[in-house]
Amino acid sequence: MTGRTALVATAELITWWAGLTLLWLVLIGPVDTLERVVGASAAAVGALAARAGRREVGRR
């Protein structure tokens, strides 16, 4: 992986994470600190899955 592809991959993960976290916050409403940590962690897992799925589709 070159520096450019690593940068693109990181940007994609951050974008997915931010979008999923924002969606979760909109749907869940008022939250406590623990709920924010759990939501951000779940969004990170979702971002990794979205990136992996998009890479697999791109290989076809």
PDB file of N, CA and C in Angstrom:
ATOM      1  N   MET A   1       0.852  -1.171   0.000  1.00  0.00           N
ATOM      2  CA  MET A   1       0.000   0.000   0.000  1.00  0.00           C
ATOM      3  C   MET A   1       0.899   1.235   0.000  1.00  0.00           C
ATOM      4  N   THR A   2       0.658   2.105  -0.940  1.00  0.00           N
ATOM      5  CA  THR A   2       1.457   3.321  -1.025  1.00  0.00           C
ATOM      6  C   THR A   2       0.890   4.377  -0.073  1.00  0.00           C
ATOM      7  N   GLY A   3       1.613   5.458   0.048  1.00  0.00           N
ATOM      8  CA  GLY A   3       1.162   6.537   0.919  1.00  0.00           C
ATOM      9  C   GLY A   3      -0.156   7.134   0.473  1.00  0.00           C
ATOM     10  N   ARG A   4      -0.320   7.260  -0.846  1.00  0.00           N
ATOM     11  CA  ARG A   4      -1.566   7.838  -1.372  1.00  0.00           C
ATOM     12  C   ARG A   4      -2.753   6.922  -1.125  1.00  0.00           C
ATOM     13  N   THR A   5      -2.591   5.625  -1.352  1.00  0.00           N
ATOM     14  CA  THR A   5      -3.716   4.711  -1.135  1.00  0.00           C
ATOM     15  C   THR A   5      -4.056   4.604   0.354  1.00  0.00           C
ATOM     16  N   ALA A   6      -3.042   4.701   1.202  1.00  0.00           N
ATOM     17  CA  ALA A   6      -3.307   4.691   2.644  1.00  0.00           C
ATOM     18  C   ALA A   6      -4.091   5.935   3.051  1.00  0.00           C
ATOM     19  N   LEU A   7      -3.751   7.070   2.462  1.00  0.00           N
ATOM     20  CA  LEU A   7      -4.459   8.305   2.761  1.00  0.00           C
ATOM     21  C   LEU A   7      -5.912   8.228   2.285  1.00  0.00           C
ATOM     22  N   VAL A   8      -6.128   7.683   1.102  1.00  0.00           N
ATOM     23  CA  VAL A   8      -7.486   7.538   0.562  1.00  0.00           C
ATOM     24  C   VAL A   8      -8.300   6.575   1.430  1.00  0.00           C
ATOM     25  N   ALA A   9      -7.686   5.472   1.844  1.00  0.00           N
ATOM     26  CA  ALA A   9      -8.380   4.498   2.695  1.00  0.00           C
ATOM     27  C   ALA A   9      -8.748   5.116   4.041  1.00  0.00           C
ATOM     28  N   THR A  10      -7.840   5.873   4.613  1.00  0.00           N
ATOM     29  CA  THR A  10      -8.106   6.527   5.894  1.00  0.00           C
ATOM     30  C   THR A  10      -9.223   7.544   5.757  1.00  0.00           C
ATOM     31  N   ALA A  11      -9.184   8.324   4.686  1.00  0.00           N
ATOM     32  CA  ALA A  11     -10.237   9.309   4.457  1.00  0.00           C
ATOM     33  C   ALA A  11     -11.590   8.636   4.273  1.00  0.00           C
ATOM     34  N   GLU A  12     -11.603   7.508   3.574  1.00  0.00           N
ATOM     35  CA  GLU A  12     -12.859   6.784   3.375  1.00  0.00           C
ATOM     36  C   GLU A  12     -13.403   6.248   4.698  1.00  0.00           C
ATOM     37  N   LEU A  13     -12.523   5.686   5.517  1.00  0.00           N
ATOM     38  CA  LEU A  13     -12.961   5.175   6.827  1.00  0.00           C
ATOM     39  C   LEU A  13     -13.504   6.294   7.705  1.00  0.00           C
ATOM     40  N   ILE A  14     -12.831   7.432   7.720  1.00  0.00           N
ATOM     41  CA  ILE A  14     -13.286   8.560   8.537  1.00  0.00           C
ATOM     42  C   ILE A  14     -14.628   9.069   8.033  1.00  0.00           C
ATOM     43  N   THR A  15     -14.801   9.112   6.726  1.00  0.00           N
ATOM     44  CA  THR A  15     -16.070   9.566   6.160  1.00  0.00           C
ATOM     45  C   THR A  15     -17.205   8.618   6.526  1.00  0.00           C
ATOM     46  N   TRP A  16     -16.973   7.326   6.360  1.00  0.00           N
ATOM     47  CA  TRP A  16     -17.994   6.347   6.748  1.00  0.00           C
ATOM     48  C   TRP A  16     -18.306   6.452   8.237  1.00  0.00           C
ATOM     49  N   TRP A  17     -17.258   6.553   9.060  1.00  0.00           N
ATOM     50  CA  TRP A  17     -17.456   6.622  10.512  1.00  0.00           C
ATOM     51  C   TRP A  17     -18.265   7.858  10.884  1.00  0.00           C
ATOM     52  N   ALA A  18     -17.910   9.001  10.329  1.00  0.00           N
ATOM     53  CA  ALA A  18     -18.622  10.239  10.647  1.00  0.00           C
ATOM     54  C   ALA A  18     -20.083  10.161  10.215  1.00  0.00           C
ATOM     55  N   GLY A  19     -20.321   9.630   9.029  1.00  0.00           N
ATOM     56  CA  GLY A  19     -21.692   9.509   8.548  1.00  0.00           C
ATOM     57  C   GLY A  19     -22.527   8.569   9.399  1.00  0.00           C
ATOM     58  N   LEU A  20     -21.960   7.432   9.746  1.00  0.00           N
ATOM     59  CA  LEU A  20     -22.695   6.467  10.566  1.00  0.00           C
ATOM     60  C   LEU A  20     -22.920   6.988  11.986  1.00  0.00           C
ATOM     61  N   THR A  21     -21.926   7.683  12.542  1.00  0.00           N
ATOM     62  CA  THR A  21     -22.078   8.257  13.873  1.00  0.00           C
ATOM     63  C   THR A  21     -23.158   9.332  13.873  1.00  0.00           C
ATOM     64  N   LEU A  22     -23.144  10.189  12.860  1.00  0.00           N
ATOM     65  CA  LEU A  22     -24.162  11.229  12.759  1.00  0.00           C
ATOM     66  C   LEU A  22     -25.553  10.627  12.616  1.00  0.00           C
ATOM     67  N   LEU A  23     -25.683   9.605  11.781  1.00  0.00           N
ATOM     68  CA  LEU A  23     -26.970   8.934  11.616  1.00  0.00           C
ATOM     69  C   LEU A  23     -27.445   8.340  12.940  1.00  0.00           C
ATOM     70  N   TRP A  24     -26.545   7.713  13.663  1.00  0.00           N
ATOM     71  CA  TRP A  24     -26.903   7.115  14.949  1.00  0.00           C
ATOM     72  C   TRP A  24     -27.366   8.185  15.926  1.00  0.00           C
ATOM     73  N   LEU A  25     -26.652   9.308  15.992  1.00  0.00           N
ATOM     74  CA  LEU A  25     -27.033  10.381  16.913  1.00  0.00           C
ATOM     75  C   LEU A  25     -28.396  10.969  16.563  1.00  0.00           C
ATOM     76  N   VAL A  26     -28.686  11.098  15.275  1.00  0.00           N
ATOM     77  CA  VAL A  26     -29.981  11.629  14.850  1.00  0.00           C
ATOM     78  C   VAL A  26     -31.097  10.662  15.240  1.00  0.00           C
ATOM     79  N   LEU A  27     -30.864   9.375  15.060  1.00  0.00           N
ATOM     80  CA  LEU A  27     -31.912   8.396  15.337  1.00  0.00           C
ATOM     81  C   LEU A  27     -32.106   8.121  16.820  1.00  0.00           C
ATOM     82  N   ILE A  28     -31.050   8.217  17.619  1.00  0.00           N
ATOM     83  CA  ILE A  28     -31.144   7.841  19.027  1.00  0.00           C
ATOM     84  C   ILE A  28     -31.636   8.984  19.910  1.00  0.00           C
ATOM     85  N   GLY A  29     -31.377  10.224  19.539  1.00  0.00           N
ATOM     86  CA  GLY A  29     -31.813  11.367  20.343  1.00  0.00           C
ATOM     87  C   GLY A  29     -30.812  11.705  21.433  1.00  0.00           C
ATOM     88  N   PRO A  30     -31.273  12.210  22.572  1.00  0.00           N
ATOM     89  CA  PRO A  30     -30.346  12.592  23.653  1.00  0.00           C
ATOM     90  C   PRO A  30     -29.599  11.367  24.197  1.00  0.00           C
ATOM     91  N   VAL A  31     -28.301  11.524  24.415  1.00  0.00           N
ATOM     92  CA  VAL A  31     -27.478  10.381  24.823  1.00  0.00           C
ATOM     93  C   VAL A  31     -26.572  10.736  25.990  1.00  0.00           C
ATOM     94  N   ASP A  32     -26.172   9.707  26.726  1.00  0.00           N
ATOM     95  CA  ASP A  32     -25.180   9.834  27.792  1.00  0.00           C
ATOM     96  C   ASP A  32     -23.804   9.564  27.211  1.00  0.00           C
ATOM     97  N   THR A  33     -22.779   9.735  28.021  1.00  0.00           N
ATOM     98  CA  THR A  33     -21.406   9.531  27.563  1.00  0.00           C
ATOM     99  C   THR A  33     -21.170   8.081  27.142  1.00  0.00           C
ATOM    100  N   LEU A  34     -21.642   7.141  27.929  1.00  0.00           N
ATOM    101  CA  LEU A  34     -21.452   5.731  27.585  1.00  0.00           C
ATOM    102  C   LEU A  34     -22.128   5.389  26.261  1.00  0.00           C
ATOM    103  N   GLU A  35     -23.305   5.935  26.035  1.00  0.00           N
ATOM    104  CA  GLU A  35     -24.000   5.678  24.774  1.00  0.00           C
ATOM    105  C   GLU A  35     -23.234   6.266  23.592  1.00  0.00           C
ATOM    106  N   ARG A  36     -22.575   7.393  23.787  1.00  0.00           N
ATOM    107  CA  ARG A  36     -21.757   7.984  22.722  1.00  0.00           C
ATOM    108  C   ARG A  36     -20.576   7.088  22.382  1.00  0.00           C
ATOM    109  N   VAL A  37     -19.941   6.523  23.407  1.00  0.00           N
ATOM    110  CA  VAL A  37     -18.799   5.636  23.183  1.00  0.00           C
ATOM    111  C   VAL A  37     -19.250   4.380  22.445  1.00  0.00           C
ATOM    112  N   VAL A  38     -20.355   3.811  22.854  1.00  0.00           N
ATOM    113  CA  VAL A  38     -20.873   2.608  22.209  1.00  0.00           C
ATOM    114  C   VAL A  38     -21.272   2.912  20.768  1.00  0.00           C
ATOM    115  N   GLY A  39     -21.929   4.036  20.543  1.00  0.00           N
ATOM    116  CA  GLY A  39     -22.328   4.415  19.190  1.00  0.00           C
ATOM    117  C   GLY A  39     -21.142   4.664  18.281  1.00  0.00           C
ATOM    118  N   ALA A  40     -20.125   5.341  18.795  1.00  0.00           N
ATOM    119  CA  ALA A  40     -18.922   5.599  18.000  1.00  0.00           C
ATOM    120  C   ALA A  40     -18.192   4.299  17.688  1.00  0.00           C
ATOM    121  N   SER A  41     -18.170   3.379  18.639  1.00  0.00           N
ATOM    122  CA  SER A  41     -17.521   2.085  18.413  1.00  0.00           C
ATOM    123  C   SER A  41     -18.285   1.261  17.374  1.00  0.00           C
ATOM    124  N   ALA A  42     -19.592   1.256  17.473  1.00  0.00           N
ATOM    125  CA  ALA A  42     -20.400   0.535  16.494  1.00  0.00           C
ATOM    126  C   ALA A  42     -20.249   1.152  15.101  1.00  0.00           C
ATOM    127  N   ALA A  43     -20.150   2.466  15.047  1.00  0.00           N
ATOM    128  CA  ALA A  43     -19.946   3.143  13.759  1.00  0.00           C
ATOM    129  C   ALA A  43     -18.582   2.784  13.175  1.00  0.00           C
ATOM    130  N   ALA A  44     -17.574   2.619  14.028  1.00  0.00           N
ATOM    131  CA  ALA A  44     -16.248   2.227  13.540  1.00  0.00           C
ATOM    132  C   ALA A  44     -16.287   0.821  12.926  1.00  0.00           C
ATOM    133  N   VAL A  45     -16.984  -0.084  13.571  1.00  0.00           N
ATOM    134  CA  VAL A  45     -17.132  -1.441  13.024  1.00  0.00           C
ATOM    135  C   VAL A  45     -17.896  -1.388  11.702  1.00  0.00           C
ATOM    136  N   GLY A  46     -18.941  -0.578  11.658  1.00  0.00           N
ATOM    137  CA  GLY A  46     -19.701  -0.419  10.424  1.00  0.00           C
ATOM    138  C   GLY A  46     -18.869   0.192   9.307  1.00  0.00           C
ATOM    139  N   ALA A  47     -18.003   1.144   9.647  1.00  0.00           N
ATOM    140  CA  ALA A  47     -17.135   1.774   8.649  1.00  0.00           C
ATOM    141  C   ALA A  47     -16.149   0.761   8.078  1.00  0.00           C
ATOM    142  N   LEU A  48     -15.592  -0.077   8.931  1.00  0.00           N
ATOM    143  CA  LEU A  48     -14.675  -1.118   8.449  1.00  0.00           C
ATOM    144  C   LEU A  48     -15.402  -2.101   7.530  1.00  0.00           C
ATOM    145  N   ALA A  49     -16.620  -2.473   7.902  1.00  0.00           N
ATOM    146  CA  ALA A  49     -17.401  -3.394   7.065  1.00  0.00           C
ATOM    147  C   ALA A  49     -17.774  -2.747   5.733  1.00  0.00           C
ATOM    148  N   ALA A  50     -18.129  -1.477   5.760  1.00  0.00           N
ATOM    149  CA  ALA A  50     -18.484  -0.774   4.522  1.00  0.00           C
ATOM    150  C   ALA A  50     -17.278  -0.665   3.597  1.00  0.00           C
ATOM    151  N   ARG A  51     -16.114  -0.376   4.153  1.00  0.00           N
ATOM    152  CA  ARG A  51     -14.889  -0.272   3.350  1.00  0.00           C
ATOM    153  C   ARG A  51     -14.540  -1.627   2.738  1.00  0.00           C
ATOM    154  N   ALA A  52     -14.622  -2.680   3.547  1.00  0.00           N
ATOM    155  CA  ALA A  52     -14.311  -4.021   3.043  1.00  0.00           C
ATOM    156  C   ALA A  52     -15.301  -4.437   1.957  1.00  0.00           C
ATOM    157  N   GLY A  53     -16.571  -4.154   2.159  1.00  0.00           N
ATOM    158  CA  GLY A  53     -17.574  -4.492   1.154  1.00  0.00           C
ATOM    159  C   GLY A  53     -17.377  -3.728  -0.141  1.00  0.00           C
ATOM    160  N   ARG A  54     -17.033  -2.458  -0.021  1.00  0.00           N
ATOM    161  CA  ARG A  54     -16.815  -1.655  -1.221  1.00  0.00           C
ATOM    162  C   ARG A  54     -15.585  -2.117  -1.992  1.00  0.00           C
ATOM    163  N   ARG A  55     -14.550  -2.541  -1.285  1.00  0.00           N
ATOM    164  CA  ARG A  55     -13.360  -3.065  -1.946  1.00  0.00           C
ATOM    165  C   ARG A  55     -13.670  -4.351  -2.694  1.00  0.00           C
ATOM    166  N   GLU A  56     -14.472  -5.220  -2.097  1.00  0.00           N
ATOM    167  CA  GLU A  56     -14.816  -6.480  -2.748  1.00  0.00           C
ATOM    168  C   GLU A  56     -15.665  -6.254  -3.987  1.00  0.00           C
ATOM    169  N   VAL A  57     -16.591  -5.350  -3.932  1.00  0.00           N
ATOM    170  CA  VAL A  57     -17.413  -5.047  -5.095  1.00  0.00           C
ATOM    171  C   VAL A  57     -16.563  -4.457  -6.211  1.00  0.00           C
ATOM    172  N   GLY A  58     -15.576  -3.654  -5.837  1.00  0.00           N
ATOM    173  CA  GLY A  58     -14.699  -3.033  -6.822  1.00  0.00           C
ATOM    174  C   GLY A  58     -13.791  -4.015  -7.537  1.00  0.00           C
ATOM    175  N   ARG A  59     -13.555  -5.174  -6.962  1.00  0.00           N
ATOM    176  CA  ARG A  59     -12.666  -6.187  -7.573  1.00  0.00           C
ATOM    177  C   ARG A  59     -13.336  -6.936  -8.715  1.00  0.00           C
ATOM    178  N   ARG A  60     -14.643  -6.884  -8.792  1.00  0.00           N
ATOM    179  CA  ARG A  60     -15.368  -7.654  -9.821  1.00  0.00           C
ATOM    180  C   ARG A  60     -15.237  -7.042 -11.158  1.00  0.00           C
TER     181      ARG A  60
END
